[in-house]
């Protein structure tokens, strides 16, 4: 079953998305879209009657590690790595508001 997407339809869709296309582009896209539709129609002909649905092809049940709280570095150690700090906090340049 061959379905054709004509240039009129291509131009209509291009207009809906505010995309200006030439007549040559409309003809080119018409052929490409028609080929894509034909490919999907070909896929519809595949017999999938005895194929079970697949939602996870890896069969992994849980790939996450257990969440374990561990001690981290102290505030003082952390602030030694900061380029600029003030009163126990990292000081960064203003990104919103007055400059």
N, C-alpha and C. Protein backbone atom coordinates (compact mmCIF):
# COMPACT_ATOMS: atom_id res chain seq x y z
N UNK A 1 0.84 -1.17 0.00
CA UNK A 1 0.00 0.00 0.00
C UNK A 1 0.89 1.24 0.00
N UNK A 2 0.88 1.97 -1.07
CA UNK A 2 1.71 3.16 -1.19
C UNK A 2 0.86 4.39 -0.92
N UNK A 3 1.29 5.17 0.03
CA UNK A 3 0.63 6.44 0.31
C UNK A 3 1.55 7.56 -0.12
N UNK A 4 1.00 8.55 -0.77
CA UNK A 4 1.80 9.66 -1.25
C UNK A 4 1.47 10.91 -0.46
N UNK A 5 2.51 11.57 0.00
CA UNK A 5 2.36 12.87 0.63
C UNK A 5 2.65 13.89 -0.46
N UNK A 6 1.62 14.59 -0.92
CA UNK A 6 1.81 15.52 -2.04
C UNK A 6 2.43 16.83 -1.57
N UNK A 7 2.88 17.63 -2.54
CA UNK A 7 3.55 18.90 -2.21
C UNK A 7 2.60 19.87 -1.52
N UNK A 8 1.30 19.78 -1.82
CA UNK A 8 0.32 20.65 -1.17
C UNK A 8 0.30 20.37 0.34
N UNK A 9 0.34 19.08 0.72
CA UNK A 9 0.35 18.71 2.14
C UNK A 9 1.65 19.17 2.79
N UNK A 10 2.77 18.99 2.10
CA UNK A 10 4.07 19.42 2.64
C UNK A 10 4.06 20.93 2.88
N UNK A 11 3.56 21.69 1.93
CA UNK A 11 3.51 23.15 2.08
C UNK A 11 2.58 23.55 3.22
N UNK A 12 1.46 22.84 3.36
CA UNK A 12 0.52 23.12 4.46
C UNK A 12 1.18 22.90 5.81
N UNK A 13 1.87 21.79 5.97
CA UNK A 13 2.55 21.50 7.25
C UNK A 13 3.66 22.52 7.49
N UNK A 14 4.42 22.86 6.45
CA UNK A 14 5.48 23.86 6.59
C UNK A 14 4.89 25.20 7.04
N UNK A 15 3.73 25.56 6.50
CA UNK A 15 3.07 26.79 6.89
C UNK A 15 2.63 26.74 8.35
N UNK A 16 2.14 25.60 8.79
CA UNK A 16 1.70 25.46 10.18
C UNK A 16 2.83 25.70 11.17
N UNK A 17 4.04 25.28 10.80
CA UNK A 17 5.19 25.46 11.70
C UNK A 17 6.01 26.70 11.34
N UNK A 18 5.40 27.54 10.48
CA UNK A 18 6.03 28.80 10.08
C UNK A 18 7.40 28.59 9.44
N UNK A 19 7.46 27.63 8.53
CA UNK A 19 8.70 27.30 7.84
C UNK A 19 8.51 27.57 6.35
N UNK A 20 9.28 28.48 5.84
CA UNK A 20 9.18 28.79 4.41
C UNK A 20 10.00 27.80 3.61
N UNK A 21 9.37 27.15 2.63
CA UNK A 21 10.10 26.22 1.78
C UNK A 21 9.79 26.52 0.32
N UNK A 22 10.75 26.20 -0.53
CA UNK A 22 10.58 26.42 -1.97
C UNK A 22 9.81 25.26 -2.59
N UNK A 23 9.42 25.43 -3.83
CA UNK A 23 8.73 24.36 -4.56
C UNK A 23 9.63 23.13 -4.69
N UNK A 24 10.92 23.35 -4.94
CA UNK A 24 11.88 22.24 -5.06
C UNK A 24 11.98 21.46 -3.75
N UNK A 25 12.04 22.20 -2.63
CA UNK A 25 12.11 21.55 -1.33
C UNK A 25 10.82 20.78 -1.04
N UNK A 26 9.68 21.35 -1.41
CA UNK A 26 8.40 20.67 -1.19
C UNK A 26 8.36 19.36 -1.97
N UNK A 27 8.85 19.37 -3.20
CA UNK A 27 8.89 18.14 -4.00
C UNK A 27 9.83 17.11 -3.39
N UNK A 28 10.99 17.58 -2.92
CA UNK A 28 11.96 16.68 -2.30
C UNK A 28 11.38 16.06 -1.02
N UNK A 29 10.79 16.90 -0.16
CA UNK A 29 10.22 16.40 1.10
C UNK A 29 9.03 15.49 0.84
N UNK A 30 8.26 15.79 -0.20
CA UNK A 30 7.13 14.96 -0.56
C UNK A 30 7.58 13.52 -0.80
N UNK A 31 8.64 13.37 -1.59
CA UNK A 31 9.18 12.03 -1.86
C UNK A 31 9.73 11.36 -0.62
N UNK A 32 10.44 12.14 0.21
CA UNK A 32 11.03 11.58 1.42
C UNK A 32 9.95 11.15 2.41
N UNK A 33 8.94 11.99 2.60
CA UNK A 33 7.86 11.64 3.53
C UNK A 33 7.08 10.42 3.04
N UNK A 34 6.87 10.35 1.74
CA UNK A 34 6.16 9.21 1.17
C UNK A 34 6.96 7.92 1.41
N UNK A 35 8.28 7.99 1.26
CA UNK A 35 9.13 6.82 1.52
C UNK A 35 9.05 6.39 2.98
N UNK A 36 9.02 7.35 3.88
CA UNK A 36 8.93 7.05 5.31
C UNK A 36 7.60 6.36 5.63
N UNK A 37 6.51 6.88 5.08
CA UNK A 37 5.19 6.28 5.30
C UNK A 37 5.17 4.86 4.73
N UNK A 38 5.75 4.67 3.54
CA UNK A 38 5.82 3.33 2.95
C UNK A 38 6.58 2.37 3.85
N UNK A 39 7.67 2.85 4.45
CA UNK A 39 8.47 2.00 5.34
C UNK A 39 7.64 1.57 6.56
N UNK A 40 6.89 2.51 7.15
CA UNK A 40 6.05 2.16 8.29
C UNK A 40 4.96 1.18 7.88
N UNK A 41 4.41 1.35 6.70
CA UNK A 41 3.41 0.40 6.21
C UNK A 41 4.02 -0.99 6.04
N UNK A 42 5.27 -1.04 5.61
CA UNK A 42 5.97 -2.33 5.47
C UNK A 42 6.14 -2.97 6.85
N UNK A 43 6.45 -2.18 7.86
CA UNK A 43 6.59 -2.71 9.22
C UNK A 43 5.26 -3.25 9.74
N UNK A 44 4.17 -2.63 9.34
CA UNK A 44 2.84 -3.09 9.77
C UNK A 44 2.52 -4.47 9.22
N UNK A 45 3.20 -4.90 8.16
CA UNK A 45 2.95 -6.20 7.56
C UNK A 45 3.67 -7.34 8.28
N UNK A 46 4.59 -7.01 9.19
CA UNK A 46 5.35 -8.03 9.91
C UNK A 46 4.43 -8.75 10.89
N UNK A 47 4.50 -10.08 10.89
CA UNK A 47 3.68 -10.89 11.79
C UNK A 47 4.29 -10.87 13.19
N UNK A 48 3.61 -10.24 14.12
CA UNK A 48 4.08 -10.15 15.51
C UNK A 48 3.13 -10.88 16.46
N UNK A 49 2.35 -11.78 15.92
CA UNK A 49 1.33 -12.48 16.70
C UNK A 49 1.92 -13.22 17.91
N UNK A 50 3.03 -13.93 17.74
CA UNK A 50 3.61 -14.72 18.82
C UNK A 50 4.84 -14.07 19.46
N UNK A 51 4.99 -12.77 19.28
CA UNK A 51 6.12 -12.05 19.86
C UNK A 51 5.65 -11.36 21.14
N UNK A 52 6.25 -11.72 22.28
CA UNK A 52 5.81 -11.07 23.53
C UNK A 52 6.28 -9.61 23.57
N UNK A 53 5.51 -8.75 24.20
CA UNK A 53 5.93 -7.35 24.31
C UNK A 53 7.20 -7.24 25.14
N UNK A 54 8.06 -6.32 24.78
CA UNK A 54 9.32 -6.12 25.50
C UNK A 54 9.36 -4.70 26.04
N UNK A 55 9.43 -4.58 27.34
CA UNK A 55 9.55 -3.25 27.94
C UNK A 55 10.98 -3.02 28.42
N UNK A 56 11.74 -4.10 28.65
CA UNK A 56 13.12 -3.98 29.11
C UNK A 56 13.92 -5.10 28.48
N UNK A 57 14.74 -4.77 27.49
CA UNK A 57 15.47 -5.81 26.78
C UNK A 57 16.73 -6.26 27.50
N UNK A 58 17.12 -5.56 28.57
CA UNK A 58 18.35 -5.95 29.28
C UNK A 58 18.10 -6.97 30.38
N UNK A 59 16.85 -7.10 30.82
CA UNK A 59 16.48 -8.01 31.90
C UNK A 59 17.17 -7.70 33.23
N UNK A 60 17.65 -6.48 33.40
CA UNK A 60 18.22 -6.08 34.68
C UNK A 60 17.09 -5.80 35.66
N UNK A 61 17.23 -6.28 36.89
CA UNK A 61 16.18 -6.03 37.87
C UNK A 61 16.48 -4.81 38.71
N UNK A 62 17.73 -4.62 39.11
CA UNK A 62 18.10 -3.46 39.89
C UNK A 62 19.57 -3.18 39.65
N UNK A 63 19.87 -2.09 39.01
CA UNK A 63 21.26 -1.77 38.71
C UNK A 63 21.82 -0.71 39.66
N UNK A 64 21.06 -0.36 40.68
CA UNK A 64 21.49 0.67 41.62
C UNK A 64 22.15 0.04 42.84
N UNK A 65 23.16 0.74 43.34
CA UNK A 65 23.79 0.27 44.57
C UNK A 65 22.98 0.76 45.76
N UNK A 66 23.18 0.14 46.90
CA UNK A 66 22.49 0.57 48.11
C UNK A 66 23.01 1.93 48.54
N UNK A 67 22.12 2.79 48.96
CA UNK A 67 22.49 4.14 49.38
C UNK A 67 23.00 4.08 50.82
N UNK A 68 24.28 4.35 51.00
CA UNK A 68 24.89 4.31 52.32
C UNK A 68 25.49 5.67 52.63
N UNK A 69 25.09 6.25 53.76
CA UNK A 69 25.62 7.55 54.16
C UNK A 69 27.05 7.36 54.67
N UNK A 70 27.95 8.19 54.18
CA UNK A 70 29.35 8.14 54.60
C UNK A 70 29.78 9.55 55.00
N UNK A 71 30.72 9.66 55.92
CA UNK A 71 31.19 10.99 56.30
C UNK A 71 31.89 11.68 55.13
N UNK A 72 31.70 12.99 55.04
CA UNK A 72 32.37 13.75 53.98
C UNK A 72 33.38 14.70 54.61
N UNK A 73 34.01 15.53 53.78
CA UNK A 73 35.03 16.43 54.32
C UNK A 73 34.38 17.52 55.16
N UNK A 74 35.15 18.08 56.04
CA UNK A 74 34.64 19.14 56.92
C UNK A 74 34.45 20.43 56.12
N UNK A 75 33.68 21.34 56.68
CA UNK A 75 33.45 22.63 56.02
C UNK A 75 34.77 23.36 55.78
N UNK A 76 35.67 23.30 56.77
CA UNK A 76 36.95 23.99 56.65
C UNK A 76 37.78 23.41 55.49
N UNK A 77 37.80 22.08 55.37
CA UNK A 77 38.53 21.44 54.26
C UNK A 77 37.92 21.84 52.92
N UNK A 78 36.60 21.87 52.88
CA UNK A 78 35.92 22.23 51.65
C UNK A 78 36.24 23.67 51.25
N UNK A 79 36.17 24.57 52.21
CA UNK A 79 36.41 25.99 51.91
C UNK A 79 37.84 26.26 51.49
N UNK A 80 38.79 25.40 51.87
CA UNK A 80 40.18 25.56 51.42
C UNK A 80 40.26 25.43 49.90
N UNK A 81 39.34 24.65 49.30
CA UNK A 81 39.34 24.44 47.85
C UNK A 81 38.55 25.52 47.09
N UNK A 82 37.76 26.31 47.79
CA UNK A 82 36.95 27.34 47.14
C UNK A 82 37.83 28.54 46.78
N UNK A 83 37.65 29.12 45.61
CA UNK A 83 38.47 30.27 45.23
C UNK A 83 38.19 31.50 46.10
N UNK A 84 36.96 31.61 46.65
CA UNK A 84 36.61 32.75 47.47
C UNK A 84 35.55 32.31 48.48
N UNK A 85 35.72 32.68 49.74
CA UNK A 85 34.72 32.33 50.75
C UNK A 85 34.54 33.50 51.71
N UNK A 86 33.39 33.46 52.38
CA UNK A 86 33.08 34.52 53.33
C UNK A 86 32.17 33.97 54.42
N UNK A 87 32.54 34.12 55.69
CA UNK A 87 31.76 33.69 56.85
C UNK A 87 31.30 32.24 56.77
N UNK A 88 32.16 31.36 56.28
CA UNK A 88 31.86 29.93 56.25
C UNK A 88 31.10 29.46 55.02
N UNK A 89 30.95 30.33 54.01
CA UNK A 89 30.25 29.97 52.78
C UNK A 89 31.10 30.27 51.56
N UNK A 90 30.84 29.57 50.48
CA UNK A 90 31.52 29.86 49.22
C UNK A 90 30.93 31.14 48.66
N UNK A 91 31.77 32.09 48.29
CA UNK A 91 31.31 33.35 47.72
C UNK A 91 31.44 33.28 46.22
N UNK A 92 30.33 33.58 45.53
CA UNK A 92 30.31 33.53 44.06
C UNK A 92 29.85 34.88 43.54
N UNK A 93 30.18 35.16 42.27
CA UNK A 93 29.72 36.44 41.69
C UNK A 93 28.19 36.48 41.58
N UNK A 94 27.63 37.67 41.67
CA UNK A 94 26.19 37.86 41.51
C UNK A 94 25.79 37.52 40.09
N UNK A 95 24.74 36.72 39.94
CA UNK A 95 24.27 36.36 38.59
C UNK A 95 22.93 36.99 38.28
N UNK A 96 22.18 37.42 39.28
CA UNK A 96 20.90 38.08 39.09
C UNK A 96 20.90 39.39 39.84
N UNK A 97 20.17 40.34 39.35
CA UNK A 97 20.04 41.61 40.05
C UNK A 97 21.07 42.62 39.58
N UNK A 98 21.31 43.61 40.42
CA UNK A 98 22.23 44.70 40.10
C UNK A 98 23.67 44.22 40.09
N UNK A 99 24.43 44.83 39.18
CA UNK A 99 25.87 44.47 39.12
C UNK A 99 26.71 45.60 39.60
